[in-house]
């Protein structure tokens, strides 16, 4: 079973460094309260670590995989 992370943007990108904005856009987060589901990979974990103060993360197990 593969692990999936549900990531939700809870704080605005306004006033944040461009690096943080690029990371959020790469994850597919463009508006507050938007949520995406991404696979639990080292790359995804690194992106979350960069912007952890702007997002909420829930971990769940994907039974379909």
PDB file of N, CA and C in Angstrom:
ATOM      1  N   UNK A   1       0.829  -1.180   0.000  1.00  0.00           N
ATOM      2  CA  UNK A   1       0.000   0.000   0.000  1.00  0.00           C
ATOM      3  C   UNK A   1       0.871   1.239   0.000  1.00  0.00           C
ATOM      4  N   UNK A   2       0.483   2.185  -0.828  1.00  0.00           N
ATOM      5  CA  UNK A   2       1.240   3.422  -0.938  1.00  0.00           C
ATOM      6  C   UNK A   2       0.670   4.461   0.023  1.00  0.00           C
ATOM      7  N   UNK A   3       1.528   5.292   0.522  1.00  0.00           N
ATOM      8  CA  UNK A   3       1.118   6.353   1.416  1.00  0.00           C
ATOM      9  C   UNK A   3       0.878   7.627   0.610  1.00  0.00           C
ATOM     10  N   UNK A   4      -0.172   8.354   0.978  1.00  0.00           N
ATOM     11  CA  UNK A   4      -0.534   9.582   0.276  1.00  0.00           C
ATOM     12  C   UNK A   4      -0.595  10.706   1.298  1.00  0.00           C
ATOM     13  N   UNK A   5      -0.146  11.886   0.904  1.00  0.00           N
ATOM     14  CA  UNK A   5      -0.200  13.056   1.768  1.00  0.00           C
ATOM     15  C   UNK A   5      -1.241  14.025   1.236  1.00  0.00           C
ATOM     16  N   UNK A   6      -2.149  14.455   2.097  1.00  0.00           N
ATOM     17  CA  UNK A   6      -3.118  15.483   1.737  1.00  0.00           C
ATOM     18  C   UNK A   6      -2.569  16.799   2.267  1.00  0.00           C
ATOM     19  N   UNK A   7      -2.287  17.720   1.361  1.00  0.00           N
ATOM     20  CA  UNK A   7      -1.649  18.984   1.715  1.00  0.00           C
ATOM     21  C   UNK A   7      -2.623  20.121   1.432  1.00  0.00           C
ATOM     22  N   UNK A   8      -2.830  20.988   2.421  1.00  0.00           N
ATOM     23  CA  UNK A   8      -3.788  22.081   2.292  1.00  0.00           C
ATOM     24  C   UNK A   8      -3.091  23.402   2.610  1.00  0.00           C
ATOM     25  N   UNK A   9      -3.246  24.376   1.725  1.00  0.00           N
ATOM     26  CA  UNK A   9      -2.671  25.707   1.935  1.00  0.00           C
ATOM     27  C   UNK A   9      -3.559  26.466   2.911  1.00  0.00           C
ATOM     28  N   UNK A  10      -3.011  26.891   4.056  1.00  0.00           N
ATOM     29  CA  UNK A  10      -3.804  27.563   5.082  1.00  0.00           C
ATOM     30  C   UNK A  10      -3.385  29.016   5.317  1.00  0.00           C
ATOM     31  N   UNK A  11      -2.253  29.413   4.782  1.00  0.00           N
ATOM     32  CA  UNK A  11      -1.819  30.804   4.899  1.00  0.00           C
ATOM     33  C   UNK A  11      -1.453  31.333   3.523  1.00  0.00           C
ATOM     34  N   UNK A  12      -1.574  32.623   3.351  1.00  0.00           N
ATOM     35  CA  UNK A  12      -1.364  33.268   2.060  1.00  0.00           C
ATOM     36  C   UNK A  12       0.106  33.292   1.639  1.00  0.00           C
ATOM     37  N   UNK A  13       0.306  33.319   0.317  1.00  0.00           N
ATOM     38  CA  UNK A  13       1.653  33.451  -0.248  1.00  0.00           C
ATOM     39  C   UNK A  13       2.116  34.901  -0.288  1.00  0.00           C
ATOM     40  N   UNK A  14       1.196  35.825  -0.038  1.00  0.00           N
ATOM     41  CA  UNK A  14       1.521  37.247  -0.143  1.00  0.00           C
ATOM     42  C   UNK A  14       2.627  37.597   0.842  1.00  0.00           C
ATOM     43  N   UNK A  15       3.654  38.256   0.369  1.00  0.00           N
ATOM     44  CA  UNK A  15       4.765  38.675   1.209  1.00  0.00           C
ATOM     45  C   UNK A  15       5.789  37.598   1.474  1.00  0.00           C
ATOM     46  N   UNK A  16       5.622  36.436   0.893  1.00  0.00           N
ATOM     47  CA  UNK A  16       6.565  35.333   1.086  1.00  0.00           C
ATOM     48  C   UNK A  16       7.653  35.386   0.025  1.00  0.00           C
ATOM     49  N   UNK A  17       8.811  34.815   0.301  1.00  0.00           N
ATOM     50  CA  UNK A  17       9.888  34.791  -0.689  1.00  0.00           C
ATOM     51  C   UNK A  17       9.475  34.030  -1.951  1.00  0.00           C
ATOM     52  N   UNK A  18      10.061  34.399  -3.068  1.00  0.00           N
ATOM     53  CA  UNK A  18       9.738  33.774  -4.354  1.00  0.00           C
ATOM     54  C   UNK A  18       9.997  32.265  -4.329  1.00  0.00           C
ATOM     55  N   UNK A  19      11.013  31.821  -3.599  1.00  0.00           N
ATOM     56  CA  UNK A  19      11.286  30.385  -3.495  1.00  0.00           C
ATOM     57  C   UNK A  19      10.095  29.639  -2.907  1.00  0.00           C
ATOM     58  N   UNK A  20       9.471  30.205  -1.876  1.00  0.00           N
ATOM     59  CA  UNK A  20       8.311  29.570  -1.256  1.00  0.00           C
ATOM     60  C   UNK A  20       7.146  29.526  -2.232  1.00  0.00           C
ATOM     61  N   UNK A  21       6.943  30.611  -2.970  1.00  0.00           N
ATOM     62  CA  UNK A  21       5.849  30.663  -3.946  1.00  0.00           C
ATOM     63  C   UNK A  21       6.034  29.614  -5.031  1.00  0.00           C
ATOM     64  N   UNK A  22       7.274  29.438  -5.495  1.00  0.00           N
ATOM     65  CA  UNK A  22       7.539  28.436  -6.534  1.00  0.00           C
ATOM     66  C   UNK A  22       7.271  27.024  -6.029  1.00  0.00           C
ATOM     67  N   UNK A  23       7.632  26.764  -4.783  1.00  0.00           N
ATOM     68  CA  UNK A  23       7.390  25.441  -4.204  1.00  0.00           C
ATOM     69  C   UNK A  23       5.889  25.176  -4.118  1.00  0.00           C
ATOM     70  N   UNK A  24       5.123  26.156  -3.642  1.00  0.00           N
ATOM     71  CA  UNK A  24       3.676  25.977  -3.525  1.00  0.00           C
ATOM     72  C   UNK A  24       3.030  25.763  -4.888  1.00  0.00           C
ATOM     73  N   UNK A  25       3.439  26.526  -5.888  1.00  0.00           N
ATOM     74  CA  UNK A  25       2.882  26.359  -7.235  1.00  0.00           C
ATOM     75  C   UNK A  25       3.243  24.994  -7.806  1.00  0.00           C
ATOM     76  N   UNK A  26       4.445  24.524  -7.531  1.00  0.00           N
ATOM     77  CA  UNK A  26       4.874  23.217  -8.025  1.00  0.00           C
ATOM     78  C   UNK A  26       4.039  22.095  -7.398  1.00  0.00           C
ATOM     79  N   UNK A  27       3.574  22.302  -6.174  1.00  0.00           N
ATOM     80  CA  UNK A  27       2.720  21.313  -5.523  1.00  0.00           C
ATOM     81  C   UNK A  27       1.269  21.438  -5.984  1.00  0.00           C
ATOM     82  N   UNK A  28       0.940  22.506  -6.709  1.00  0.00           N
ATOM     83  CA  UNK A  28      -0.428  22.698  -7.186  1.00  0.00           C
ATOM     84  C   UNK A  28      -1.294  23.523  -6.258  1.00  0.00           C
ATOM     85  N   UNK A  29      -0.679  24.208  -5.309  1.00  0.00           N
ATOM     86  CA  UNK A  29      -1.415  25.028  -4.355  1.00  0.00           C
ATOM     87  C   UNK A  29      -1.369  26.486  -4.797  1.00  0.00           C
ATOM     88  N   UNK A  30      -2.516  27.019  -5.199  1.00  0.00           N
ATOM     89  CA  UNK A  30      -2.554  28.384  -5.718  1.00  0.00           C
ATOM     90  C   UNK A  30      -3.442  29.298  -4.880  1.00  0.00           C
ATOM     91  N   UNK A  31      -4.421  28.736  -4.176  1.00  0.00           N
ATOM     92  CA  UNK A  31      -5.346  29.544  -3.390  1.00  0.00           C
ATOM     93  C   UNK A  31      -5.439  28.984  -1.970  1.00  0.00           C
ATOM     94  N   UNK A  32      -5.800  29.848  -1.035  1.00  0.00           N
ATOM     95  CA  UNK A  32      -5.975  29.424   0.350  1.00  0.00           C
ATOM     96  C   UNK A  32      -7.109  28.402   0.417  1.00  0.00           C
ATOM     97  N   UNK A  33      -6.942  27.407   1.257  1.00  0.00           N
ATOM     98  CA  UNK A  33      -7.880  26.303   1.485  1.00  0.00           C
ATOM     99  C   UNK A  33      -7.938  25.299   0.344  1.00  0.00           C
ATOM    100  N   UNK A  34      -7.094  25.444  -0.668  1.00  0.00           N
ATOM    101  CA  UNK A  34      -7.025  24.426  -1.716  1.00  0.00           C
ATOM    102  C   UNK A  34      -6.201  23.262  -1.178  1.00  0.00           C
ATOM    103  N   UNK A  35      -6.647  22.048  -1.488  1.00  0.00           N
ATOM    104  CA  UNK A  35      -5.952  20.848  -1.013  1.00  0.00           C
ATOM    105  C   UNK A  35      -5.577  19.975  -2.203  1.00  0.00           C
ATOM    106  N   UNK A  36      -4.425  19.344  -2.112  1.00  0.00           N
ATOM    107  CA  UNK A  36      -3.971  18.402  -3.133  1.00  0.00           C
ATOM    108  C   UNK A  36      -3.489  17.137  -2.437  1.00  0.00           C
ATOM    109  N   UNK A  37      -3.509  16.046  -3.169  1.00  0.00           N
ATOM    110  CA  UNK A  37      -2.987  14.790  -2.656  1.00  0.00           C
ATOM    111  C   UNK A  37      -1.777  14.401  -3.486  1.00  0.00           C
ATOM    112  N   UNK A  38      -0.653  14.218  -2.808  1.00  0.00           N
ATOM    113  CA  UNK A  38       0.593  13.856  -3.473  1.00  0.00           C
ATOM    114  C   UNK A  38       1.161  12.602  -2.827  1.00  0.00           C
ATOM    115  N   UNK A  39       1.913  11.859  -3.607  1.00  0.00           N
ATOM    116  CA  UNK A  39       2.565  10.666  -3.082  1.00  0.00           C
ATOM    117  C   UNK A  39       3.605  11.018  -2.037  1.00  0.00           C
ATOM    118  N   UNK A  40       3.805  10.113  -1.122  1.00  0.00           N
ATOM    119  CA  UNK A  40       4.775  10.329  -0.044  1.00  0.00           C
ATOM    120  C   UNK A  40       6.163   9.934  -0.534  1.00  0.00           C
ATOM    121  N   UNK A  41       6.878  10.913  -1.101  1.00  0.00           N
ATOM    122  CA  UNK A  41       8.227  10.696  -1.612  1.00  0.00           C
ATOM    123  C   UNK A  41       9.188  11.647  -0.897  1.00  0.00           C
ATOM    124  N   UNK A  42      10.478  11.384  -0.965  1.00  0.00           N
ATOM    125  CA  UNK A  42      11.441  12.309  -0.351  1.00  0.00           C
ATOM    126  C   UNK A  42      11.348  13.715  -0.952  1.00  0.00           C
ATOM    127  N   UNK A  43      11.069  13.817  -2.244  1.00  0.00           N
ATOM    128  CA  UNK A  43      10.952  15.131  -2.884  1.00  0.00           C
ATOM    129  C   UNK A  43       9.758  15.901  -2.316  1.00  0.00           C
ATOM    130  N   UNK A  44       8.637  15.224  -2.167  1.00  0.00           N
ATOM    131  CA  UNK A  44       7.450  15.867  -1.615  1.00  0.00           C
ATOM    132  C   UNK A  44       7.684  16.282  -0.174  1.00  0.00           C
ATOM    133  N   UNK A  45       8.318  15.414   0.610  1.00  0.00           N
ATOM    134  CA  UNK A  45       8.619  15.750   2.009  1.00  0.00           C
ATOM    135  C   UNK A  45       9.523  16.977   2.105  1.00  0.00           C
ATOM    136  N   UNK A  46      10.488  17.092   1.193  1.00  0.00           N
ATOM    137  CA  UNK A  46      11.370  18.252   1.182  1.00  0.00           C
ATOM    138  C   UNK A  46      10.634  19.534   0.858  1.00  0.00           C
ATOM    139  N   UNK A  47       9.698  19.455  -0.090  1.00  0.00           N
ATOM    140  CA  UNK A  47       8.895  20.625  -0.447  1.00  0.00           C
ATOM    141  C   UNK A  47       8.027  21.047   0.736  1.00  0.00           C
ATOM    142  N   UNK A  48       7.456  20.083   1.425  1.00  0.00           N
ATOM    143  CA  UNK A  48       6.621  20.388   2.585  1.00  0.00           C
ATOM    144  C   UNK A  48       7.458  21.038   3.680  1.00  0.00           C
ATOM    145  N   UNK A  49       8.661  20.550   3.869  1.00  0.00           N
ATOM    146  CA  UNK A  49       9.548  21.107   4.896  1.00  0.00           C
ATOM    147  C   UNK A  49       9.849  22.580   4.621  1.00  0.00           C
ATOM    148  N   UNK A  50       9.988  22.942   3.341  1.00  0.00           N
ATOM    149  CA  UNK A  50      10.280  24.341   2.976  1.00  0.00           C
ATOM    150  C   UNK A  50       9.154  25.294   3.350  1.00  0.00           C
ATOM    151  N   UNK A  51       7.905  24.823   3.208  1.00  0.00           N
ATOM    152  CA  UNK A  51       6.755  25.700   3.417  1.00  0.00           C
ATOM    153  C   UNK A  51       5.835  25.181   4.529  1.00  0.00           C
ATOM    154  N   UNK A  52       6.405  24.500   5.501  1.00  0.00           N
ATOM    155  CA  UNK A  52       5.608  23.877   6.567  1.00  0.00           C
ATOM    156  C   UNK A  52       4.791  24.894   7.363  1.00  0.00           C
ATOM    157  N   UNK A  53       5.239  26.130   7.405  1.00  0.00           N
ATOM    158  CA  UNK A  53       4.533  27.165   8.143  1.00  0.00           C
ATOM    159  C   UNK A  53       3.315  27.687   7.382  1.00  0.00           C
ATOM    160  N   UNK A  54       3.119  27.260   6.127  1.00  0.00           N
ATOM    161  CA  UNK A  54       2.005  27.729   5.307  1.00  0.00           C
ATOM    162  C   UNK A  54       0.968  26.646   5.023  1.00  0.00           C
ATOM    163  N   UNK A  55       1.288  25.402   5.329  1.00  0.00           N
ATOM    164  CA  UNK A  55       0.410  24.292   4.949  1.00  0.00           C
ATOM    165  C   UNK A  55       0.074  23.390   6.133  1.00  0.00           C
ATOM    166  N   UNK A  56      -1.019  22.645   5.987  1.00  0.00           N
ATOM    167  CA  UNK A  56      -1.371  21.552   6.906  1.00  0.00           C
ATOM    168  C   UNK A  56      -1.236  20.259   6.123  1.00  0.00           C
ATOM    169  N   UNK A  57      -0.720  19.215   6.769  1.00  0.00           N
ATOM    170  CA  UNK A  57      -0.485  17.951   6.090  1.00  0.00           C
ATOM    171  C   UNK A  57      -1.155  16.830   6.874  1.00  0.00           C
ATOM    172  N   UNK A  58      -1.890  15.992   6.133  1.00  0.00           N
ATOM    173  CA  UNK A  58      -2.480  14.780   6.704  1.00  0.00           C
ATOM    174  C   UNK A  58      -1.917  13.598   5.949  1.00  0.00           C
ATOM    175  N   UNK A  59      -1.538  12.560   6.677  1.00  0.00           N
ATOM    176  CA  UNK A  59      -1.012  11.360   6.052  1.00  0.00           C
ATOM    177  C   UNK A  59      -2.078  10.292   6.086  1.00  0.00           C
ATOM    178  N   UNK A  60      -2.266   9.614   4.949  1.00  0.00           N
ATOM    179  CA  UNK A  60      -3.219   8.520   4.913  1.00  0.00           C
ATOM    180  C   UNK A  60      -2.693   7.420   4.012  1.00  0.00           C
ATOM    181  N   UNK A  61      -3.215   6.226   4.195  1.00  0.00           N
ATOM    182  CA  UNK A  61      -2.793   5.086   3.405  1.00  0.00           C
ATOM    183  C   UNK A  61      -3.784   4.917   2.260  1.00  0.00           C
ATOM    184  N   UNK A  62      -3.274   4.817   1.043  1.00  0.00           N
ATOM    185  CA  UNK A  62      -4.102   4.669  -0.149  1.00  0.00           C
ATOM    186  C   UNK A  62      -4.313   3.180  -0.409  1.00  0.00           C
ATOM    187  N   UNK A  63      -5.547   2.700  -0.219  1.00  0.00           N
ATOM    188  CA  UNK A  63      -5.832   1.277  -0.397  1.00  0.00           C
ATOM    189  C   UNK A  63      -5.956   0.876  -1.875  1.00  0.00           C
ATOM    190  N   UNK A  64      -6.119   1.844  -2.782  1.00  0.00           N
ATOM    191  CA  UNK A  64      -6.328   1.511  -4.193  1.00  0.00           C
ATOM    192  C   UNK A  64      -5.044   1.097  -4.887  1.00  0.00           C
ATOM    193  N   UNK A  65      -3.912   1.461  -4.336  1.00  0.00           N
ATOM    194  CA  UNK A  65      -2.630   1.133  -4.996  1.00  0.00           C
ATOM    195  C   UNK A  65      -2.164  -0.257  -4.650  1.00  0.00           C
TER     196      UNK A  65
END
